[in-house]
Amino acid sequence: MNQAGELTQQQAELLFAHMPVSFCLADEADVVRFWAGAAFTDCSPELIGLDLYASHPAQAHAGVRSLLSELKSGVKDQVDQVEHGSNGAQRIIHTALRDGAGVYRGVLETVFPIEEPLA
């Protein structure tokens, strides 16, 4: 991992509040542990500590299950896709979080809004 330095709690909160992307972290048991960013404004804080499927509509469960299976098994380390919704297009990258021994420790979902090109 490439990082240096330390952040205070206040600095970490400011970092999360001002990042131009949104992200969500679920642990190896598929439990939502943290989310931050505009993509999750419709999410309730009560989702923290719940199963990842609780934050997705029932029709998405099969896709989520398939994606997590690929990440957990090591078939893929990252899944990159574009989704078009009522708020416009967004790029979503799901990244397997692995420890130093390569053991799956969770998934990081990063959401980037796709902006219209400047004229």
PDB file of N, CA and C in Angstrom:
ATOM      1  N   MET A   1       0.852  -1.161   0.000  1.00  0.00           N
ATOM      2  CA  MET A   1       0.000   0.000   0.000  1.00  0.00           C
ATOM      3  C   MET A   1       0.903   1.231   0.000  1.00  0.00           C
ATOM      4  N   ASN A   2       0.538   2.187  -0.783  1.00  0.00           N
ATOM      5  CA  ASN A   2       1.327   3.403  -0.898  1.00  0.00           C
ATOM      6  C   ASN A   2       0.609   4.536  -0.188  1.00  0.00           C
ATOM      7  N   GLN A   3       1.061   4.863   1.011  1.00  0.00           N
ATOM      8  CA  GLN A   3       0.487   5.974   1.754  1.00  0.00           C
ATOM      9  C   GLN A   3       1.513   6.452   2.765  1.00  0.00           C
ATOM     10  N   ALA A   4       1.350   7.653   3.233  1.00  0.00           N
ATOM     11  CA  ALA A   4       2.229   8.215   4.253  1.00  0.00           C
ATOM     12  C   ALA A   4       1.444   9.228   5.069  1.00  0.00           C
ATOM     13  N   GLY A   5       1.818   9.401   6.314  1.00  0.00           N
ATOM     14  CA  GLY A   5       1.192  10.400   7.155  1.00  0.00           C
ATOM     15  C   GLY A   5       0.027   9.862   7.950  1.00  0.00           C
ATOM     16  N   GLU A   6      -0.561  10.749   8.712  1.00  0.00           N
ATOM     17  CA  GLU A   6      -1.705  10.415   9.552  1.00  0.00           C
ATOM     18  C   GLU A   6      -2.746  11.516   9.428  1.00  0.00           C
ATOM     19  N   LEU A   7      -3.999  11.165   9.648  1.00  0.00           N
ATOM     20  CA  LEU A   7      -5.092  12.137   9.624  1.00  0.00           C
ATOM     21  C   LEU A   7      -5.766  12.170  10.982  1.00  0.00           C
ATOM     22  N   THR A   8      -6.187  13.340  11.397  1.00  0.00           N
ATOM     23  CA  THR A   8      -7.037  13.433  12.576  1.00  0.00           C
ATOM     24  C   THR A   8      -8.445  13.016  12.167  1.00  0.00           C
ATOM     25  N   GLN A   9      -9.296  12.779  13.121  1.00  0.00           N
ATOM     26  CA  GLN A   9     -10.697  12.455  12.834  1.00  0.00           C
ATOM     27  C   GLN A   9     -11.341  13.577  12.016  1.00  0.00           C
ATOM     28  N   GLN A  10     -11.079  14.832  12.411  1.00  0.00           N
ATOM     29  CA  GLN A  10     -11.656  15.969  11.693  1.00  0.00           C
ATOM     30  C   GLN A  10     -11.145  16.024  10.252  1.00  0.00           C
ATOM     31  N   GLN A  11      -9.871  15.779  10.040  1.00  0.00           N
ATOM     32  CA  GLN A  11      -9.314  15.788   8.688  1.00  0.00           C
ATOM     33  C   GLN A  11      -9.919  14.668   7.838  1.00  0.00           C
ATOM     34  N   ALA A  12     -10.094  13.501   8.430  1.00  0.00           N
ATOM     35  CA  ALA A  12     -10.702  12.388   7.699  1.00  0.00           C
ATOM     36  C   ALA A  12     -12.137  12.734   7.308  1.00  0.00           C
ATOM     37  N   GLU A  13     -12.878  13.334   8.224  1.00  0.00           N
ATOM     38  CA  GLU A  13     -14.259  13.716   7.927  1.00  0.00           C
ATOM     39  C   GLU A  13     -14.305  14.768   6.821  1.00  0.00           C
ATOM     40  N   LEU A  14     -13.390  15.727   6.844  1.00  0.00           N
ATOM     41  CA  LEU A  14     -13.328  16.734   5.782  1.00  0.00           C
ATOM     42  C   LEU A  14     -12.949  16.097   4.447  1.00  0.00           C
ATOM     43  N   LEU A  15     -12.020  15.173   4.481  1.00  0.00           N
ATOM     44  CA  LEU A  15     -11.619  14.466   3.264  1.00  0.00           C
ATOM     45  C   LEU A  15     -12.817  13.758   2.634  1.00  0.00           C
ATOM     46  N   PHE A  16     -13.555  12.992   3.437  1.00  0.00           N
ATOM     47  CA  PHE A  16     -14.716  12.269   2.932  1.00  0.00           C
ATOM     48  C   PHE A  16     -15.803  13.218   2.430  1.00  0.00           C
ATOM     49  N   ALA A  17     -15.983  14.331   3.118  1.00  0.00           N
ATOM     50  CA  ALA A  17     -17.031  15.286   2.741  1.00  0.00           C
ATOM     51  C   ALA A  17     -16.726  16.018   1.438  1.00  0.00           C
ATOM     52  N   HIS A  18     -15.453  16.154   1.087  1.00  0.00           N
ATOM     53  CA  HIS A  18     -15.082  16.944  -0.084  1.00  0.00           C
ATOM     54  C   HIS A  18     -14.533  16.133  -1.251  1.00  0.00           C
ATOM     55  N   MET A  19     -14.462  14.839  -1.105  1.00  0.00           N
ATOM     56  CA  MET A  19     -13.989  14.002  -2.204  1.00  0.00           C
ATOM     57  C   MET A  19     -14.966  14.088  -3.367  1.00  0.00           C
ATOM     58  N   PRO A  20     -14.461  14.178  -4.604  1.00  0.00           N
ATOM     59  CA  PRO A  20     -15.363  14.281  -5.756  1.00  0.00           C
ATOM     60  C   PRO A  20     -15.951  12.932  -6.180  1.00  0.00           C
ATOM     61  N   VAL A  21     -15.753  11.898  -5.367  1.00  0.00           N
ATOM     62  CA  VAL A  21     -16.318  10.577  -5.626  1.00  0.00           C
ATOM     63  C   VAL A  21     -17.051  10.124  -4.378  1.00  0.00           C
ATOM     64  N   SER A  22     -17.869   9.098  -4.539  1.00  0.00           N
ATOM     65  CA  SER A  22     -18.566   8.487  -3.408  1.00  0.00           C
ATOM     66  C   SER A  22     -18.020   7.082  -3.235  1.00  0.00           C
ATOM     67  N   PHE A  23     -18.072   6.573  -2.026  1.00  0.00           N
ATOM     68  CA  PHE A  23     -17.627   5.204  -1.841  1.00  0.00           C
ATOM     69  C   PHE A  23     -18.350   4.537  -0.679  1.00  0.00           C
ATOM     70  N   CYS A  24     -18.378   3.214  -0.762  1.00  0.00           N
ATOM     71  CA  CYS A  24     -19.018   2.385   0.251  1.00  0.00           C
ATOM     72  C   CYS A  24     -18.113   1.196   0.506  1.00  0.00           C
ATOM     73  N   LEU A  25     -17.967   0.814   1.766  1.00  0.00           N
ATOM     74  CA  LEU A  25     -17.157  -0.334   2.119  1.00  0.00           C
ATOM     75  C   LEU A  25     -18.012  -1.357   2.836  1.00  0.00           C
ATOM     76  N   ALA A  26     -17.921  -2.608   2.369  1.00  0.00           N
ATOM     77  CA  ALA A  26     -18.556  -3.735   3.049  1.00  0.00           C
ATOM     78  C   ALA A  26     -17.453  -4.719   3.408  1.00  0.00           C
ATOM     79  N   ASP A  27     -17.571  -5.375   4.555  1.00  0.00           N
ATOM     80  CA  ASP A  27     -16.527  -6.287   5.008  1.00  0.00           C
ATOM     81  C   ASP A  27     -16.652  -7.664   4.357  1.00  0.00           C
ATOM     82  N   GLU A  28     -15.805  -8.600   4.793  1.00  0.00           N
ATOM     83  CA  GLU A  28     -15.772  -9.943   4.190  1.00  0.00           C
ATOM     84  C   GLU A  28     -17.053 -10.730   4.423  1.00  0.00           C
ATOM     85  N   ALA A  29     -17.867 -10.307   5.379  1.00  0.00           N
ATOM     86  CA  ALA A  29     -19.158 -10.962   5.628  1.00  0.00           C
ATOM     87  C   ALA A  29     -20.299 -10.235   4.921  1.00  0.00           C
ATOM     88  N   ASP A  30     -19.965  -9.320   4.010  1.00  0.00           N
ATOM     89  CA  ASP A  30     -20.934  -8.540   3.234  1.00  0.00           C
ATOM     90  C   ASP A  30     -21.772  -7.605   4.097  1.00  0.00           C
ATOM     91  N   VAL A  31     -21.178  -7.114   5.181  1.00  0.00           N
ATOM     92  CA  VAL A  31     -21.850  -6.171   6.068  1.00  0.00           C
ATOM     93  C   VAL A  31     -21.365  -4.763   5.729  1.00  0.00           C
ATOM     94  N   VAL A  32     -22.308  -3.845   5.516  1.00  0.00           N
ATOM     95  CA  VAL A  32     -21.971  -2.456   5.195  1.00  0.00           C
ATOM     96  C   VAL A  32     -21.339  -1.822   6.432  1.00  0.00           C
ATOM     97  N   ARG A  33     -20.119  -1.279   6.255  1.00  0.00           N
ATOM     98  CA  ARG A  33     -19.389  -0.678   7.365  1.00  0.00           C
ATOM     99  C   ARG A  33     -19.261   0.834   7.268  1.00  0.00           C
ATOM    100  N   PHE A  34     -19.287   1.387   6.045  1.00  0.00           N
ATOM    101  CA  PHE A  34     -19.076   2.818   5.886  1.00  0.00           C
ATOM    102  C   PHE A  34     -19.504   3.230   4.496  1.00  0.00           C
ATOM    103  N   TRP A  35     -20.065   4.426   4.375  1.00  0.00           N
ATOM    104  CA  TRP A  35     -20.301   5.031   3.068  1.00  0.00           C
ATOM    105  C   TRP A  35     -20.173   6.532   3.208  1.00  0.00           C
ATOM    106  N   ALA A  36     -19.808   7.179   2.114  1.00  0.00           N
ATOM    107  CA  ALA A  36     -19.676   8.636   2.092  1.00  0.00           C
ATOM    108  C   ALA A  36     -19.852   9.118   0.664  1.00  0.00           C
ATOM    109  N   GLY A  37     -20.474  10.264   0.511  1.00  0.00           N
ATOM    110  CA  GLY A  37     -20.570  10.884  -0.798  1.00  0.00           C
ATOM    111  C   GLY A  37     -21.979  11.051  -1.311  1.00  0.00           C
ATOM    112  N   ALA A  38     -22.076  11.882  -2.344  1.00  0.00           N
ATOM    113  CA  ALA A  38     -23.371  12.266  -2.920  1.00  0.00           C
ATOM    114  C   ALA A  38     -24.158  11.093  -3.489  1.00  0.00           C
ATOM    115  N   ALA A  39     -23.482  10.057  -3.966  1.00  0.00           N
ATOM    116  CA  ALA A  39     -24.194   8.912  -4.548  1.00  0.00           C
ATOM    117  C   ALA A  39     -25.045   8.180  -3.514  1.00  0.00           C
ATOM    118  N   PHE A  40     -24.776   8.426  -2.241  1.00  0.00           N
ATOM    119  CA  PHE A  40     -25.484   7.713  -1.187  1.00  0.00           C
ATOM    120  C   PHE A  40     -26.416   8.611  -0.377  1.00  0.00           C
ATOM    121  N   THR A  41     -26.811   9.750  -0.947  1.00  0.00           N
ATOM    122  CA  THR A  41     -27.674  10.679  -0.210  1.00  0.00           C
ATOM    123  C   THR A  41     -29.035  10.073   0.107  1.00  0.00           C
ATOM    124  N   ASP A  42     -29.481   9.099  -0.687  1.00  0.00           N
ATOM    125  CA  ASP A  42     -30.765   8.446  -0.420  1.00  0.00           C
ATOM    126  C   ASP A  42     -30.640   7.298   0.575  1.00  0.00           C
ATOM    127  N   CYS A  43     -29.415   6.967   0.980  1.00  0.00           N
ATOM    128  CA  CYS A  43     -29.184   5.856   1.901  1.00  0.00           C
ATOM    129  C   CYS A  43     -29.423   6.293   3.337  1.00  0.00           C
ATOM    130  N   SER A  44     -29.941   5.399   4.109  1.00  0.00           N
ATOM    131  CA  SER A  44     -30.200   5.672   5.522  1.00  0.00           C
ATOM    132  C   SER A  44     -29.002   5.222   6.359  1.00  0.00           C
ATOM    133  N   PRO A  45     -28.642   5.977   7.371  1.00  0.00           N
ATOM    134  CA  PRO A  45     -27.565   5.537   8.260  1.00  0.00           C
ATOM    135  C   PRO A  45     -27.853   4.181   8.918  1.00  0.00           C
ATOM    136  N   GLU A  46     -29.126   3.789   8.963  1.00  0.00           N
ATOM    137  CA  GLU A  46     -29.483   2.490   9.548  1.00  0.00           C
ATOM    138  C   GLU A  46     -28.943   1.312   8.738  1.00  0.00           C
ATOM    139  N   LEU A  47     -28.482   1.568   7.491  1.00  0.00           N
ATOM    140  CA  LEU A  47     -27.911   0.490   6.680  1.00  0.00           C
ATOM    141  C   LEU A  47     -26.544   0.046   7.192  1.00  0.00           C
ATOM    142  N   ILE A  48     -25.866   0.922   7.943  1.00  0.00           N
ATOM    143  CA  ILE A  48     -24.569   0.558   8.499  1.00  0.00           C
ATOM    144  C   ILE A  48     -24.780  -0.603   9.470  1.00  0.00           C
ATOM    145  N   GLY A  49     -24.015  -1.668   9.271  1.00  0.00           N
ATOM    146  CA  GLY A  49     -24.140  -2.853  10.119  1.00  0.00           C
ATOM    147  C   GLY A  49     -25.088  -3.895   9.564  1.00  0.00           C
ATOM    148  N   LEU A  50     -25.776  -3.561   8.462  1.00  0.00           N
ATOM    149  CA  LEU A  50     -26.693  -4.526   7.841  1.00  0.00           C
ATOM    150  C   LEU A  50     -26.026  -5.219   6.665  1.00  0.00           C
ATOM    151  N   ASP A  51     -26.627  -6.303   6.243  1.00  0.00           N
ATOM    152  CA  ASP A  51     -26.180  -7.046   5.075  1.00  0.00           C
ATOM    153  C   ASP A  51     -26.225  -6.146   3.842  1.00  0.00           C
ATOM    154  N   LEU A  52     -25.243  -6.288   2.974  1.00  0.00           N
ATOM    155  CA  LEU A  52     -25.135  -5.476   1.763  1.00  0.00           C
ATOM    156  C   LEU A  52     -26.399  -5.538   0.913  1.00  0.00           C
ATOM    157  N   TYR A  53     -27.088  -6.661   0.916  1.00  0.00           N
ATOM    158  CA  TYR A  53     -28.290  -6.808   0.099  1.00  0.00           C
ATOM    159  C   TYR A  53     -29.425  -5.899   0.570  1.00  0.00           C
ATOM    160  N   ALA A  54     -29.388  -5.477   1.834  1.00  0.00           N
ATOM    161  CA  ALA A  54     -30.424  -4.587   2.362  1.00  0.00           C
ATOM    162  C   ALA A  54     -30.382  -3.224   1.679  1.00  0.00           C
ATOM    163  N   SER A  55     -29.236  -2.879   1.087  1.00  0.00           N
ATOM    164  CA  SER A  55     -29.105  -1.569   0.435  1.00  0.00           C
ATOM    165  C   SER A  55     -29.362  -1.643  -1.070  1.00  0.00           C
ATOM    166  N   HIS A  56     -29.799  -2.797  -1.550  1.00  0.00           N
ATOM    167  CA  HIS A  56     -30.077  -2.964  -2.978  1.00  0.00           C
ATOM    168  C   HIS A  56     -31.486  -3.506  -3.173  1.00  0.00           C
ATOM    169  N   PRO A  57     -32.155  -3.103  -4.247  1.00  0.00           N
ATOM    170  CA  PRO A  57     -33.488  -3.651  -4.523  1.00  0.00           C
ATOM    171  C   PRO A  57     -33.389  -5.145  -4.848  1.00  0.00           C
ATOM    172  N   ALA A  58     -34.463  -5.867  -4.592  1.00  0.00           N
ATOM    173  CA  ALA A  58     -34.478  -7.322  -4.771  1.00  0.00           C
ATOM    174  C   ALA A  58     -34.038  -7.746  -6.169  1.00  0.00           C
ATOM    175  N   GLN A  59     -34.412  -6.969  -7.193  1.00  0.00           N
ATOM    176  CA  GLN A  59     -34.052  -7.356  -8.558  1.00  0.00           C
ATOM    177  C   GLN A  59     -32.549  -7.257  -8.823  1.00  0.00           C
ATOM    178  N   ALA A  60     -31.811  -6.589  -7.937  1.00  0.00           N
ATOM    179  CA  ALA A  60     -30.355  -6.459  -8.104  1.00  0.00           C
ATOM    180  C   ALA A  60     -29.582  -7.525  -7.331  1.00  0.00           C
ATOM    181  N   HIS A  61     -30.232  -8.298  -6.489  1.00  0.00           N
ATOM    182  CA  HIS A  61     -29.538  -9.253  -5.623  1.00  0.00           C
ATOM    183  C   HIS A  61     -28.731 -10.285  -6.405  1.00  0.00           C
ATOM    184  N   ALA A  62     -29.257 -10.809  -7.483  1.00  0.00           N
ATOM    185  CA  ALA A  62     -28.519 -11.813  -8.262  1.00  0.00           C
ATOM    186  C   ALA A  62     -27.236 -11.213  -8.836  1.00  0.00           C
ATOM    187  N   GLY A  63     -27.302  -9.992  -9.327  1.00  0.00           N
ATOM    188  CA  GLY A  63     -26.120  -9.329  -9.866  1.00  0.00           C
ATOM    189  C   GLY A  63     -25.092  -9.045  -8.789  1.00  0.00           C
ATOM    190  N   VAL A  64     -25.547  -8.597  -7.620  1.00  0.00           N
ATOM    191  CA  VAL A  64     -24.644  -8.333  -6.500  1.00  0.00           C
ATOM    192  C   VAL A  64     -23.982  -9.633  -6.063  1.00  0.00           C
ATOM    193  N   ARG A  65     -24.758 -10.697  -5.966  1.00  0.00           N
ATOM    194  CA  ARG A  65     -24.239 -12.001  -5.558  1.00  0.00           C
ATOM    195  C   ARG A  65     -23.159 -12.480  -6.533  1.00  0.00           C
ATOM    196  N   SER A  66     -23.422 -12.334  -7.833  1.00  0.00           N
ATOM    197  CA  SER A  66     -22.463 -12.742  -8.857  1.00  0.00           C
ATOM    198  C   SER A  66     -21.175 -11.916  -8.776  1.00  0.00           C
ATOM    199  N   LEU A  67     -21.330 -10.607  -8.642  1.00  0.00           N
ATOM    200  CA  LEU A  67     -20.173  -9.718  -8.543  1.00  0.00           C
ATOM    201  C   LEU A  67     -19.322 -10.080  -7.325  1.00  0.00           C
ATOM    202  N   LEU A  68     -19.949 -10.263  -6.168  1.00  0.00           N
ATOM    203  CA  LEU A  68     -19.202 -10.602  -4.958  1.00  0.00           C
ATOM    204  C   LEU A  68     -18.525 -11.961  -5.080  1.00  0.00           C
ATOM    205  N   SER A  69     -19.170 -12.899  -5.726  1.00  0.00           N
ATOM    206  CA  SER A  69     -18.580 -14.224  -5.931  1.00  0.00           C
ATOM    207  C   SER A  69     -17.291 -14.125  -6.743  1.00  0.00           C
ATOM    208  N   GLU A  70     -17.314 -13.327  -7.803  1.00  0.00           N
ATOM    209  CA  GLU A  70     -16.118 -13.143  -8.631  1.00  0.00           C
ATOM    210  C   GLU A  70     -14.990 -12.473  -7.847  1.00  0.00           C
ATOM    211  N   LEU A  71     -15.331 -11.487  -7.027  1.00  0.00           N
ATOM    212  CA  LEU A  71     -14.310 -10.788  -6.247  1.00  0.00           C
ATOM    213  C   LEU A  71     -13.754 -11.670  -5.136  1.00  0.00           C
ATOM    214  N   LYS A  72     -14.623 -12.362  -4.426  1.00  0.00           N
ATOM    215  CA  LYS A  72     -14.179 -13.204  -3.315  1.00  0.00           C
ATOM    216  C   LYS A  72     -13.313 -14.362  -3.791  1.00  0.00           C
ATOM    217  N   SER A  73     -13.676 -14.965  -4.916  1.00  0.00           N
ATOM    218  CA  SER A  73     -12.948 -16.126  -5.418  1.00  0.00           C
ATOM    219  C   SER A  73     -11.613 -15.764  -6.060  1.00  0.00           C
ATOM    220  N   GLY A  74     -11.437 -14.499  -6.383  1.00  0.00           N
ATOM    221  CA  GLY A  74     -10.210 -14.079  -7.052  1.00  0.00           C
ATOM    222  C   GLY A  74     -10.294 -14.144  -8.566  1.00  0.00           C
ATOM    223  N   VAL A  75     -11.453 -14.532  -9.100  1.00  0.00           N
ATOM    224  CA  VAL A  75     -11.631 -14.528 -10.555  1.00  0.00           C
ATOM    225  C   VAL A  75     -11.383 -13.124 -11.080  1.00  0.00           C
ATOM    226  N   LYS A  76     -11.839 -12.134 -10.326  1.00  0.00           N
ATOM    227  CA  LYS A  76     -11.597 -10.733 -10.648  1.00  0.00           C
ATOM    228  C   LYS A  76     -11.180 -10.003  -9.382  1.00  0.00           C
ATOM    229  N   ASP A  77     -10.349  -8.985  -9.550  1.00  0.00           N
ATOM    230  CA  ASP A  77      -9.989  -8.121  -8.436  1.00  0.00           C
ATOM    231  C   ASP A  77     -10.756  -6.816  -8.494  1.00  0.00           C
ATOM    232  N   GLN A  78     -11.337  -6.532  -9.677  1.00  0.00           N
ATOM    233  CA  GLN A  78     -12.058  -5.279  -9.865  1.00  0.00           C
ATOM    234  C   GLN A  78     -13.110  -5.465 -10.952  1.00  0.00           C
ATOM    235  N   VAL A  79     -14.258  -4.851 -10.746  1.00  0.00           N
ATOM    236  CA  VAL A  79     -15.324  -4.839 -11.744  1.00  0.00           C
ATOM    237  C   VAL A  79     -15.665  -3.374 -12.002  1.00  0.00           C
ATOM    238  N   ASP A  80     -15.561  -2.965 -13.245  1.00  0.00           N
ATOM    239  CA  ASP A  80     -15.733  -1.569 -13.643  1.00  0.00           C
ATOM    240  C   ASP A  80     -16.929  -1.503 -14.591  1.00  0.00           C
ATOM    241  N   GLN A  81     -17.920  -0.677 -14.277  1.00  0.00           N
ATOM    242  CA  GLN A  81     -19.110  -0.588 -15.117  1.00  0.00           C
ATOM    243  C   GLN A  81     -19.657   0.835 -15.131  1.00  0.00           C
ATOM    244  N   VAL A  82     -20.500   1.106 -16.100  1.00  0.00           N
ATOM    245  CA  VAL A  82     -21.194   2.384 -16.190  1.00  0.00           C
ATOM    246  C   VAL A  82     -22.681   2.106 -16.072  1.00  0.00           C
ATOM    247  N   GLU A  83     -23.360   2.872 -15.237  1.00  0.00           N
ATOM    248  CA  GLU A  83     -24.803   2.746 -15.071  1.00  0.00           C
ATOM    249  C   GLU A  83     -25.452   4.075 -15.400  1.00  0.00           C
ATOM    250  N   HIS A  84     -26.623   4.013 -16.016  1.00  0.00           N
ATOM    251  CA  HIS A  84     -27.388   5.204 -16.352  1.00  0.00           C
ATOM    252  C   HIS A  84     -28.656   5.193 -15.513  1.00  0.00           C
ATOM    253  N   GLY A  85     -28.840   6.241 -14.742  1.00  0.00           N
ATOM    254  CA  GLY A  85     -30.008   6.325 -13.872  1.00  0.00           C
ATOM    255  C   GLY A  85     -30.692   7.664 -14.001  1.00  0.00           C
ATOM    256  N   SER A  86     -31.640   7.899 -13.120  1.00  0.00           N
ATOM    257  CA  SER A  86     -32.407   9.147 -13.174  1.00  0.00           C
ATOM    258  C   SER A  86     -31.537  10.375 -12.905  1.00  0.00           C
ATOM    259  N   ASN A  87     -30.416  10.184 -12.231  1.00  0.00           N
ATOM    260  CA  ASN A  87     -29.511  11.302 -11.940  1.00  0.00           C
ATOM    261  C   ASN A  87     -28.358  11.388 -12.936  1.00  0.00           C
ATOM    262  N   GLY A  88     -28.453  10.677 -14.041  1.00  0.00           N
ATOM    263  CA  GLY A  88     -27.396  10.703 -15.045  1.00  0.00           C
ATOM    264  C   GLY A  88     -26.532   9.459 -14.990  1.00  0.00           C
ATOM    265  N   ALA A  89     -25.434   9.495 -15.723  1.00  0.00           N
ATOM    266  CA  ALA A  89     -24.542   8.340 -15.799  1.00  0.00           C
ATOM    267  C   ALA A  89     -23.503   8.401 -14.691  1.00  0.00           C
ATOM    268  N   GLN A  90     -23.096   7.221 -14.261  1.00  0.00           N
ATOM    269  CA  GLN A  90     -22.031   7.144 -13.278  1.00  0.00           C
ATOM    270  C   GLN A  90     -21.194   5.898 -13.514  1.00  0.00           C
ATOM    271  N   ARG A  91     -19.904   6.040 -13.261  1.00  0.00           N
ATOM    272  CA  ARG A  91     -18.969   4.917 -13.345  1.00  0.00           C
ATOM    273  C   ARG A  91     -18.868   4.328 -11.953  1.00  0.00           C
ATOM    274  N   ILE A  92     -19.024   3.010 -11.865  1.00  0.00           N
ATOM    275  CA  ILE A  92     -18.961   2.327 -10.583  1.00  0.00           C
ATOM    276  C   ILE A  92     -17.868   1.269 -10.658  1.00  0.00           C
ATOM    277  N   ILE A  93     -16.930   1.358  -9.727  1.00  0.00           N
ATOM    278  CA  ILE A  93     -15.842   0.384  -9.674  1.00  0.00           C
ATOM    279  C   ILE A  93     -15.943  -0.354  -8.346  1.00  0.00           C
ATOM    280  N   HIS A  94     -16.054  -1.677  -8.429  1.00  0.00           N
ATOM    281  CA  HIS A  94     -16.039  -2.526  -7.238  1.00  0.00           C
ATOM    282  C   HIS A  94     -14.655  -3.161  -7.167  1.00  0.00           C
ATOM    283  N   THR A  95     -13.971  -2.970  -6.051  1.00  0.00           N
ATOM    284  CA  THR A  95     -12.610  -3.462  -5.875  1.00  0.00           C
ATOM    285  C   THR A  95     -12.556  -4.399  -4.675  1.00  0.00           C
ATOM    286  N   ALA A  96     -11.982  -5.589  -4.888  1.00  0.00           N
ATOM    287  CA  ALA A  96     -11.786  -6.523  -3.786  1.00  0.00           C
ATOM    288  C   ALA A  96     -10.706  -5.970  -2.863  1.00  0.00           C
ATOM    289  N   LEU A  97     -10.983  -5.965  -1.575  1.00  0.00           N
ATOM    290  CA  LEU A  97      -9.996  -5.558  -0.587  1.00  0.00           C
ATOM    291  C   LEU A  97      -9.330  -6.823  -0.055  1.00  0.00           C
ATOM    292  N   ARG A  98      -8.032  -6.934  -0.245  1.00  0.00           N
ATOM    293  CA  ARG A  98      -7.294  -8.116   0.197  1.00  0.00           C
ATOM    294  C   ARG A  98      -6.170  -7.692   1.139  1.00  0.00           C
ATOM    295  N   ASP A  99      -5.920  -8.512   2.143  1.00  0.00           N
ATOM    296  CA  ASP A  99      -4.826  -8.203   3.057  1.00  0.00           C
ATOM    297  C   ASP A  99      -3.491  -8.628   2.442  1.00  0.00           C
ATOM    298  N   GLY A 100      -2.412  -8.486   3.203  1.00  0.00           N
ATOM    299  CA  GLY A 100      -1.085  -8.802   2.704  1.00  0.00           C
ATOM    300  C   GLY A 100      -0.908 -10.244   2.269  1.00  0.00           C
ATOM    301  N   ALA A 101      -1.723 -11.148   2.813  1.00  0.00           N
ATOM    302  CA  ALA A 101      -1.662 -12.566   2.444  1.00  0.00           C
ATOM    303  C   ALA A 101      -2.606 -12.887   1.285  1.00  0.00           C
ATOM    304  N   GLY A 102      -3.293 -11.871   0.770  1.00  0.00           N
ATOM    305  CA  GLY A 102      -4.204 -12.092  -0.348  1.00  0.00           C
ATOM    306  C   GLY A 102      -5.596 -12.545   0.050  1.00  0.00           C
ATOM    307  N   VAL A 103      -5.893 -12.540   1.341  1.00  0.00           N
ATOM    308  CA  VAL A 103      -7.203 -12.973   1.836  1.00  0.00           C
ATOM    309  C   VAL A 103      -8.219 -11.853   1.624  1.00  0.00           C
ATOM    310  N   TYR A 104      -9.378 -12.216   1.082  1.00  0.00           N
ATOM    311  CA  TYR A 104     -10.457 -11.255   0.838  1.00  0.00           C
ATOM    312  C   TYR A 104     -10.961 -10.688   2.159  1.00  0.00           C
ATOM    313  N   ARG A 105     -10.981  -9.353   2.274  1.00  0.00           N
ATOM    314  CA  ARG A 105     -11.422  -8.683   3.494  1.00  0.00           C
ATOM    315  C   ARG A 105     -12.622  -7.767   3.281  1.00  0.00           C
ATOM    316  N   GLY A 106     -13.110  -7.692   2.045  1.00  0.00           N
ATOM    317  CA  GLY A 106     -14.277  -6.874   1.785  1.00  0.00           C
ATOM    318  C   GLY A 106     -14.252  -6.297   0.388  1.00  0.00           C
ATOM    319  N   VAL A 107     -15.185  -5.388   0.159  1.00  0.00           N
ATOM    320  CA  VAL A 107     -15.314  -4.763  -1.153  1.00  0.00           C
ATOM    321  C   VAL A 107     -15.461  -3.254  -0.986  1.00  0.00           C
ATOM    322  N   LEU A 108     -14.806  -2.536  -1.868  1.00  0.00           N
ATOM    323  CA  LEU A 108     -14.918  -1.087  -1.928  1.00  0.00           C
ATOM    324  C   LEU A 108     -15.661  -0.731  -3.206  1.00  0.00           C
ATOM    325  N   GLU A 109     -16.780  -0.041  -3.066  1.00  0.00           N
ATOM    326  CA  GLU A 109     -17.535   0.455  -4.214  1.00  0.00           C
ATOM    327  C   GLU A 109     -17.235   1.947  -4.341  1.00  0.00           C
ATOM    328  N   THR A 110     -16.681   2.340  -5.484  1.00  0.00           N
ATOM    329  CA  THR A 110     -16.357   3.740  -5.735  1.00  0.00           C
ATOM    330  C   THR A 110     -17.241   4.225  -6.875  1.00  0.00           C
ATOM    331  N   VAL A 111     -17.912   5.350  -6.684  1.00  0.00           N
ATOM    332  CA  VAL A 111     -18.860   5.878  -7.666  1.00  0.00           C
ATOM    333  C   VAL A 111     -18.379   7.249  -8.135  1.00  0.00           C
ATOM    334  N   PHE A 112     -18.203   7.367  -9.451  1.00  0.00           N
ATOM    335  CA  PHE A 112     -17.764   8.614 -10.070  1.00  0.00           C
ATOM    336  C   PHE A 112     -18.898   9.135 -10.952  1.00  0.00           C
ATOM    337  N   PRO A 113     -19.394  10.335 -10.743  1.00  0.00           N
ATOM    338  CA  PRO A 113     -20.389  10.881 -11.690  1.00  0.00           C
ATOM    339  C   PRO A 113     -19.723  11.118 -13.030  1.00  0.00           C
ATOM    340  N   ILE A 114     -20.427  10.834 -14.086  1.00  0.00           N
ATOM    341  CA  ILE A 114     -19.917  11.112 -15.438  1.00  0.00           C
ATOM    342  C   ILE A 114     -20.523  12.422 -15.885  1.00  0.00           C
ATOM    343  N   GLU A 115     -19.686  13.401 -15.985  1.00  0.00           N
ATOM    344  CA  GLU A 115     -20.115  14.739 -16.349  1.00  0.00           C
ATOM    345  C   GLU A 115     -20.154  14.874 -17.871  1.00  0.00           C
ATOM    346  N   GLU A 116     -21.020  15.753 -18.333  1.00  0.00           N
ATOM    347  CA  GLU A 116     -21.046  16.087 -19.759  1.00  0.00           C
ATOM    348  C   GLU A 116     -19.760  16.814 -20.095  1.00  0.00           C
ATOM    349  N   PRO A 117     -19.186  16.552 -21.271  1.00  0.00           N
ATOM    350  CA  PRO A 117     -17.965  17.268 -21.647  1.00  0.00           C
ATOM    351  C   PRO A 117     -18.208  18.777 -21.734  1.00  0.00           C
ATOM    352  N   LEU A 118     -17.190  19.531 -21.358  1.00  0.00           N
ATOM    353  CA  LEU A 118     -17.299  20.974 -21.443  1.00  0.00           C
ATOM    354  C   LEU A 118     -17.322  21.392 -22.919  1.00  0.00           C
ATOM    355  N   ALA A 119     -18.118  22.384 -23.233  1.00  0.00           N
ATOM    356  CA  ALA A 119     -18.232  22.831 -24.625  1.00  0.00           C
ATOM    357  C   ALA A 119     -17.010  23.606 -25.076  1.00  0.00           C
TER     358      ALA A 119
END
